[in-house]
């Protein structure tokens, strides 16, 4: 994934997480909203971790050369 698409992904995931978070804060605590908020947060954490590991491996490979 290039940086432009990753930024778009982060923006969309953040907006969705904020939307579901506001639904929960307003008192609509159905399992759907809680599940969708959790999934959005998990995907954000996963993509940040994945890109950090990928960047670290890339920098280690560059140093080894």
PDB file of N, CA and C in Angstrom:
ATOM      1  N   UNK A   1       0.840  -1.178   0.000  1.00  0.00           N
ATOM      2  CA  UNK A   1       0.000   0.000   0.000  1.00  0.00           C
ATOM      3  C   UNK A   1       0.881   1.236   0.000  1.00  0.00           C
ATOM      4  N   UNK A   2       0.506   2.183  -0.801  1.00  0.00           N
ATOM      5  CA  UNK A   2       1.276   3.422  -0.797  1.00  0.00           C
ATOM      6  C   UNK A   2       0.763   4.352   0.305  1.00  0.00           C
ATOM      7  N   UNK A   3       1.508   5.407   0.551  1.00  0.00           N
ATOM      8  CA  UNK A   3       1.192   6.296   1.671  1.00  0.00           C
ATOM      9  C   UNK A   3      -0.151   7.004   1.521  1.00  0.00           C
ATOM     10  N   UNK A   4      -0.542   7.337   0.294  1.00  0.00           N
ATOM     11  CA  UNK A   4      -1.823   8.009   0.090  1.00  0.00           C
ATOM     12  C   UNK A   4      -3.004   7.155   0.491  1.00  0.00           C
ATOM     13  N   UNK A   5      -2.967   5.894   0.093  1.00  0.00           N
ATOM     14  CA  UNK A   5      -4.077   5.012   0.446  1.00  0.00           C
ATOM     15  C   UNK A   5      -4.092   4.687   1.938  1.00  0.00           C
ATOM     16  N   UNK A   6      -2.928   4.646   2.565  1.00  0.00           N
ATOM     17  CA  UNK A   6      -2.872   4.400   4.007  1.00  0.00           C
ATOM     18  C   UNK A   6      -3.465   5.584   4.764  1.00  0.00           C
ATOM     19  N   UNK A   7      -3.178   6.782   4.315  1.00  0.00           N
ATOM     20  CA  UNK A   7      -3.742   7.972   4.971  1.00  0.00           C
ATOM     21  C   UNK A   7      -5.257   7.977   4.837  1.00  0.00           C
ATOM     22  N   UNK A   8      -5.757   7.649   3.653  1.00  0.00           N
ATOM     23  CA  UNK A   8      -7.212   7.572   3.449  1.00  0.00           C
ATOM     24  C   UNK A   8      -7.817   6.504   4.353  1.00  0.00           C
ATOM     25  N   UNK A   9      -7.136   5.357   4.468  1.00  0.00           N
ATOM     26  CA  UNK A   9      -7.614   4.283   5.346  1.00  0.00           C
ATOM     27  C   UNK A   9      -7.680   4.744   6.791  1.00  0.00           C
ATOM     28  N   UNK A  10      -6.625   5.418   7.272  1.00  0.00           N
ATOM     29  CA  UNK A  10      -6.621   5.915   8.647  1.00  0.00           C
ATOM     30  C   UNK A  10      -7.730   6.936   8.884  1.00  0.00           C
ATOM     31  N   UNK A  11      -7.948   7.814   7.934  1.00  0.00           N
ATOM     32  CA  UNK A  11      -9.006   8.832   8.088  1.00  0.00           C
ATOM     33  C   UNK A  11     -10.369   8.160   8.177  1.00  0.00           C
ATOM     34  N   UNK A  12     -10.634   7.212   7.284  1.00  0.00           N
ATOM     35  CA  UNK A  12     -11.931   6.533   7.298  1.00  0.00           C
ATOM     36  C   UNK A  12     -12.137   5.720   8.568  1.00  0.00           C
ATOM     37  N   UNK A  13     -11.111   5.002   8.992  1.00  0.00           N
ATOM     38  CA  UNK A  13     -11.236   4.213  10.215  1.00  0.00           C
ATOM     39  C   UNK A  13     -11.422   5.093  11.441  1.00  0.00           C
ATOM     40  N   UNK A  14     -10.725   6.222  11.469  1.00  0.00           N
ATOM     41  CA  UNK A  14     -10.870   7.137  12.602  1.00  0.00           C
ATOM     42  C   UNK A  14     -12.258   7.753  12.637  1.00  0.00           C
ATOM     43  N   UNK A  15     -12.763   8.160  11.482  1.00  0.00           N
ATOM     44  CA  UNK A  15     -14.119   8.723  11.437  1.00  0.00           C
ATOM     45  C   UNK A  15     -15.161   7.695  11.867  1.00  0.00           C
ATOM     46  N   UNK A  16     -15.011   6.456  11.415  1.00  0.00           N
ATOM     47  CA  UNK A  16     -15.949   5.413  11.828  1.00  0.00           C
ATOM     48  C   UNK A  16     -15.853   5.137  13.319  1.00  0.00           C
ATOM     49  N   UNK A  17     -14.640   5.085  13.850  1.00  0.00           N
ATOM     50  CA  UNK A  17     -14.476   4.845  15.285  1.00  0.00           C
ATOM     51  C   UNK A  17     -15.098   5.981  16.088  1.00  0.00           C
ATOM     52  N   UNK A  18     -14.901   7.215  15.638  1.00  0.00           N
ATOM     53  CA  UNK A  18     -15.517   8.346  16.336  1.00  0.00           C
ATOM     54  C   UNK A  18     -17.043   8.280  16.263  1.00  0.00           C
ATOM     55  N   UNK A  19     -17.564   7.870  15.110  1.00  0.00           N
ATOM     56  CA  UNK A  19     -19.016   7.776  14.955  1.00  0.00           C
ATOM     57  C   UNK A  19     -19.595   6.745  15.917  1.00  0.00           C
ATOM     58  N   UNK A  20     -18.996   5.551  15.946  1.00  0.00           N
ATOM     59  CA  UNK A  20     -19.509   4.515  16.845  1.00  0.00           C
ATOM     60  C   UNK A  20     -19.272   4.878  18.303  1.00  0.00           C
ATOM     61  N   UNK A  21     -18.174   5.581  18.570  1.00  0.00           N
ATOM     62  CA  UNK A  21     -17.922   6.030  19.941  1.00  0.00           C
ATOM     63  C   UNK A  21     -18.964   7.022  20.423  1.00  0.00           C
ATOM     64  N   UNK A  22     -19.380   7.943  19.529  1.00  0.00           N
ATOM     65  CA  UNK A  22     -20.410   8.901  19.931  1.00  0.00           C
ATOM     66  C   UNK A  22     -21.761   8.224  20.124  1.00  0.00           C
ATOM     67  N   UNK A  23     -22.052   7.194  19.308  1.00  0.00           N
ATOM     68  CA  UNK A  23     -23.295   6.446  19.525  1.00  0.00           C
ATOM     69  C   UNK A  23     -23.307   5.822  20.914  1.00  0.00           C
ATOM     70  N   UNK A  24     -22.178   5.251  21.313  1.00  0.00           N
ATOM     71  CA  UNK A  24     -22.094   4.603  22.626  1.00  0.00           C
ATOM     72  C   UNK A  24     -22.188   5.650  23.736  1.00  0.00           C
ATOM     73  N   UNK A  25     -21.517   6.790  23.553  1.00  0.00           N
ATOM     74  CA  UNK A  25     -21.565   7.840  24.578  1.00  0.00           C
ATOM     75  C   UNK A  25     -22.953   8.452  24.707  1.00  0.00           C
ATOM     76  N   UNK A  26     -23.741   8.436  23.632  1.00  0.00           N
ATOM     77  CA  UNK A  26     -25.098   8.969  23.693  1.00  0.00           C
ATOM     78  C   UNK A  26     -26.068   8.011  24.377  1.00  0.00           C
ATOM     79  N   UNK A  27     -25.618   6.798  24.669  1.00  0.00           N
ATOM     80  CA  UNK A  27     -26.456   5.863  25.390  1.00  0.00           C
ATOM     81  C   UNK A  27     -26.989   4.713  24.563  1.00  0.00           C
ATOM     82  N   UNK A  28     -26.637   4.660  23.283  1.00  0.00           N
ATOM     83  CA  UNK A  28     -27.073   3.554  22.431  1.00  0.00           C
ATOM     84  C   UNK A  28     -26.049   2.435  22.521  1.00  0.00           C
ATOM     85  N   UNK A  29     -26.057   1.731  23.623  1.00  0.00           N
ATOM     86  CA  UNK A  29     -25.009   0.738  23.863  1.00  0.00           C
ATOM     87  C   UNK A  29     -25.437  -0.652  23.391  1.00  0.00           C
ATOM     88  N   UNK A  30     -25.793  -0.762  22.126  1.00  0.00           N
ATOM     89  CA  UNK A  30     -26.118  -2.085  21.598  1.00  0.00           C
ATOM     90  C   UNK A  30     -24.822  -2.812  21.261  1.00  0.00           C
ATOM     91  N   UNK A  31     -24.920  -4.108  21.150  1.00  0.00           N
ATOM     92  CA  UNK A  31     -23.729  -4.912  20.878  1.00  0.00           C
ATOM     93  C   UNK A  31     -23.148  -4.603  19.493  1.00  0.00           C
ATOM     94  N   UNK A  32     -23.982  -4.164  18.552  1.00  0.00           N
ATOM     95  CA  UNK A  32     -23.499  -3.817  17.214  1.00  0.00           C
ATOM     96  C   UNK A  32     -22.516  -2.656  17.280  1.00  0.00           C
ATOM     97  N   UNK A  33     -22.874  -1.582  17.980  1.00  0.00           N
ATOM     98  CA  UNK A  33     -22.009  -0.410  18.070  1.00  0.00           C
ATOM     99  C   UNK A  33     -20.712  -0.735  18.811  1.00  0.00           C
ATOM    100  N   UNK A  34     -20.816  -1.519  19.867  1.00  0.00           N
ATOM    101  CA  UNK A  34     -19.622  -1.896  20.625  1.00  0.00           C
ATOM    102  C   UNK A  34     -18.704  -2.760  19.770  1.00  0.00           C
ATOM    103  N   UNK A  35     -19.278  -3.692  19.011  1.00  0.00           N
ATOM    104  CA  UNK A  35     -18.479  -4.556  18.140  1.00  0.00           C
ATOM    105  C   UNK A  35     -17.812  -3.762  17.036  1.00  0.00           C
ATOM    106  N   UNK A  36     -18.543  -2.875  16.394  1.00  0.00           N
ATOM    107  CA  UNK A  36     -17.969  -2.090  15.303  1.00  0.00           C
ATOM    108  C   UNK A  36     -16.886  -1.134  15.801  1.00  0.00           C
ATOM    109  N   UNK A  37     -17.075  -0.536  16.973  1.00  0.00           N
ATOM    110  CA  UNK A  37     -16.039   0.319  17.549  1.00  0.00           C
ATOM    111  C   UNK A  37     -14.785  -0.502  17.838  1.00  0.00           C
ATOM    112  N   UNK A  38     -14.970  -1.670  18.416  1.00  0.00           N
ATOM    113  CA  UNK A  38     -13.832  -2.538  18.725  1.00  0.00           C
ATOM    114  C   UNK A  38     -13.096  -2.964  17.465  1.00  0.00           C
ATOM    115  N   UNK A  39     -13.838  -3.333  16.429  1.00  0.00           N
ATOM    116  CA  UNK A  39     -13.202  -3.743  15.172  1.00  0.00           C
ATOM    117  C   UNK A  39     -12.427  -2.602  14.536  1.00  0.00           C
ATOM    118  N   UNK A  40     -12.996  -1.413  14.537  1.00  0.00           N
ATOM    119  CA  UNK A  40     -12.293  -0.261  13.980  1.00  0.00           C
ATOM    120  C   UNK A  40     -11.007   0.023  14.744  1.00  0.00           C
ATOM    121  N   UNK A  41     -11.065  -0.019  16.059  1.00  0.00           N
ATOM    122  CA  UNK A  41      -9.869   0.230  16.855  1.00  0.00           C
ATOM    123  C   UNK A  41      -8.821  -0.853  16.647  1.00  0.00           C
ATOM    124  N   UNK A  42      -9.260  -2.108  16.541  1.00  0.00           N
ATOM    125  CA  UNK A  42      -8.318  -3.204  16.294  1.00  0.00           C
ATOM    126  C   UNK A  42      -7.626  -3.069  14.943  1.00  0.00           C
ATOM    127  N   UNK A  43      -8.367  -2.688  13.927  1.00  0.00           N
ATOM    128  CA  UNK A  43      -7.771  -2.518  12.599  1.00  0.00           C
ATOM    129  C   UNK A  43      -6.789  -1.354  12.596  1.00  0.00           C
ATOM    130  N   UNK A  44      -7.103  -0.273  13.296  1.00  0.00           N
ATOM    131  CA  UNK A  44      -6.174   0.853  13.380  1.00  0.00           C
ATOM    132  C   UNK A  44      -4.873   0.405  14.050  1.00  0.00           C
ATOM    133  N   UNK A  45      -4.986  -0.300  15.160  1.00  0.00           N
ATOM    134  CA  UNK A  45      -3.798  -0.787  15.872  1.00  0.00           C
ATOM    135  C   UNK A  45      -3.016  -1.774  15.005  1.00  0.00           C
ATOM    136  N   UNK A  46      -3.717  -2.677  14.315  1.00  0.00           N
ATOM    137  CA  UNK A  46      -3.054  -3.660  13.464  1.00  0.00           C
ATOM    138  C   UNK A  46      -2.293  -2.987  12.329  1.00  0.00           C
ATOM    139  N   UNK A  47      -2.904  -2.024  11.663  1.00  0.00           N
ATOM    140  CA  UNK A  47      -2.224  -1.385  10.532  1.00  0.00           C
ATOM    141  C   UNK A  47      -1.016  -0.563  10.986  1.00  0.00           C
ATOM    142  N   UNK A  48      -1.119   0.092  12.128  1.00  0.00           N
ATOM    143  CA  UNK A  48       0.030   0.840  12.644  1.00  0.00           C
ATOM    144  C   UNK A  48       1.164  -0.124  12.980  1.00  0.00           C
ATOM    145  N   UNK A  49       0.837  -1.223  13.644  1.00  0.00           N
ATOM    146  CA  UNK A  49       1.851  -2.215  14.001  1.00  0.00           C
ATOM    147  C   UNK A  49       2.460  -2.850  12.759  1.00  0.00           C
ATOM    148  N   UNK A  50       1.642  -3.205  11.797  1.00  0.00           N
ATOM    149  CA  UNK A  50       2.123  -3.830  10.572  1.00  0.00           C
ATOM    150  C   UNK A  50       3.079  -2.914   9.822  1.00  0.00           C
ATOM    151  N   UNK A  51       2.718  -1.652   9.700  1.00  0.00           N
ATOM    152  CA  UNK A  51       3.584  -0.706   8.982  1.00  0.00           C
ATOM    153  C   UNK A  51       4.877  -0.457   9.750  1.00  0.00           C
ATOM    154  N   UNK A  52       4.832  -0.453  11.077  1.00  0.00           N
ATOM    155  CA  UNK A  52       6.048  -0.252  11.864  1.00  0.00           C
ATOM    156  C   UNK A  52       6.994  -1.438  11.710  1.00  0.00           C
ATOM    157  N   UNK A  53       6.457  -2.643  11.751  1.00  0.00           N
ATOM    158  CA  UNK A  53       7.284  -3.841  11.576  1.00  0.00           C
ATOM    159  C   UNK A  53       7.854  -3.896  10.166  1.00  0.00           C
ATOM    160  N   UNK A  54       7.038  -3.561   9.193  1.00  0.00           N
ATOM    161  CA  UNK A  54       7.493  -3.557   7.800  1.00  0.00           C
ATOM    162  C   UNK A  54       8.604  -2.527   7.591  1.00  0.00           C
ATOM    163  N   UNK A  55       8.462  -1.359   8.177  1.00  0.00           N
ATOM    164  CA  UNK A  55       9.485  -0.323   8.049  1.00  0.00           C
ATOM    165  C   UNK A  55      10.774  -0.740   8.755  1.00  0.00           C
ATOM    166  N   UNK A  56      10.636  -1.400   9.893  1.00  0.00           N
ATOM    167  CA  UNK A  56      11.817  -1.849  10.629  1.00  0.00           C
ATOM    168  C   UNK A  56      12.574  -2.907   9.831  1.00  0.00           C
ATOM    169  N   UNK A  57      11.849  -3.861   9.252  1.00  0.00           N
ATOM    170  CA  UNK A  57      12.498  -4.893   8.442  1.00  0.00           C
ATOM    171  C   UNK A  57      13.167  -4.287   7.222  1.00  0.00           C
ATOM    172  N   UNK A  58      12.521  -3.307   6.625  1.00  0.00           N
ATOM    173  CA  UNK A  58      13.088  -2.647   5.453  1.00  0.00           C
ATOM    174  C   UNK A  58      14.373  -1.899   5.812  1.00  0.00           C
ATOM    175  N   UNK A  59      14.376  -1.217   6.945  1.00  0.00           N
ATOM    176  CA  UNK A  59      15.572  -0.479   7.355  1.00  0.00           C
ATOM    177  C   UNK A  59      16.695  -1.427   7.747  1.00  0.00           C
ATOM    178  N   UNK A  60      16.372  -2.573   8.342  1.00  0.00           N
ATOM    179  CA  UNK A  60      17.394  -3.561   8.683  1.00  0.00           C
ATOM    180  C   UNK A  60      17.992  -4.169   7.424  1.00  0.00           C
ATOM    181  N   UNK A  61      17.167  -4.387   6.408  1.00  0.00           N
ATOM    182  CA  UNK A  61      17.663  -4.931   5.148  1.00  0.00           C
ATOM    183  C   UNK A  61      18.566  -3.925   4.445  1.00  0.00           C
ATOM    184  N   UNK A  62      18.234  -2.640   4.530  1.00  0.00           N
ATOM    185  CA  UNK A  62      19.064  -1.602   3.924  1.00  0.00           C
ATOM    186  C   UNK A  62      20.424  -1.497   4.625  1.00  0.00           C
ATOM    187  N   UNK A  63      20.419  -1.661   5.940  1.00  0.00           N
ATOM    188  CA  UNK A  63      21.667  -1.594   6.700  1.00  0.00           C
ATOM    189  C   UNK A  63      22.557  -2.790   6.367  1.00  0.00           C
ATOM    190  N   UNK A  64      21.956  -3.971   6.189  1.00  0.00           N
ATOM    191  CA  UNK A  64      22.712  -5.183   5.905  1.00  0.00           C
ATOM    192  C   UNK A  64      23.388  -5.124   4.545  1.00  0.00           C
ATOM    193  N   UNK A  65      22.842  -4.365   3.629  1.00  0.00           N
ATOM    194  CA  UNK A  65      23.439  -4.268   2.293  1.00  0.00           C
ATOM    195  C   UNK A  65      24.570  -3.370   2.326  1.00  0.00           C
TER     196      UNK A  65
END
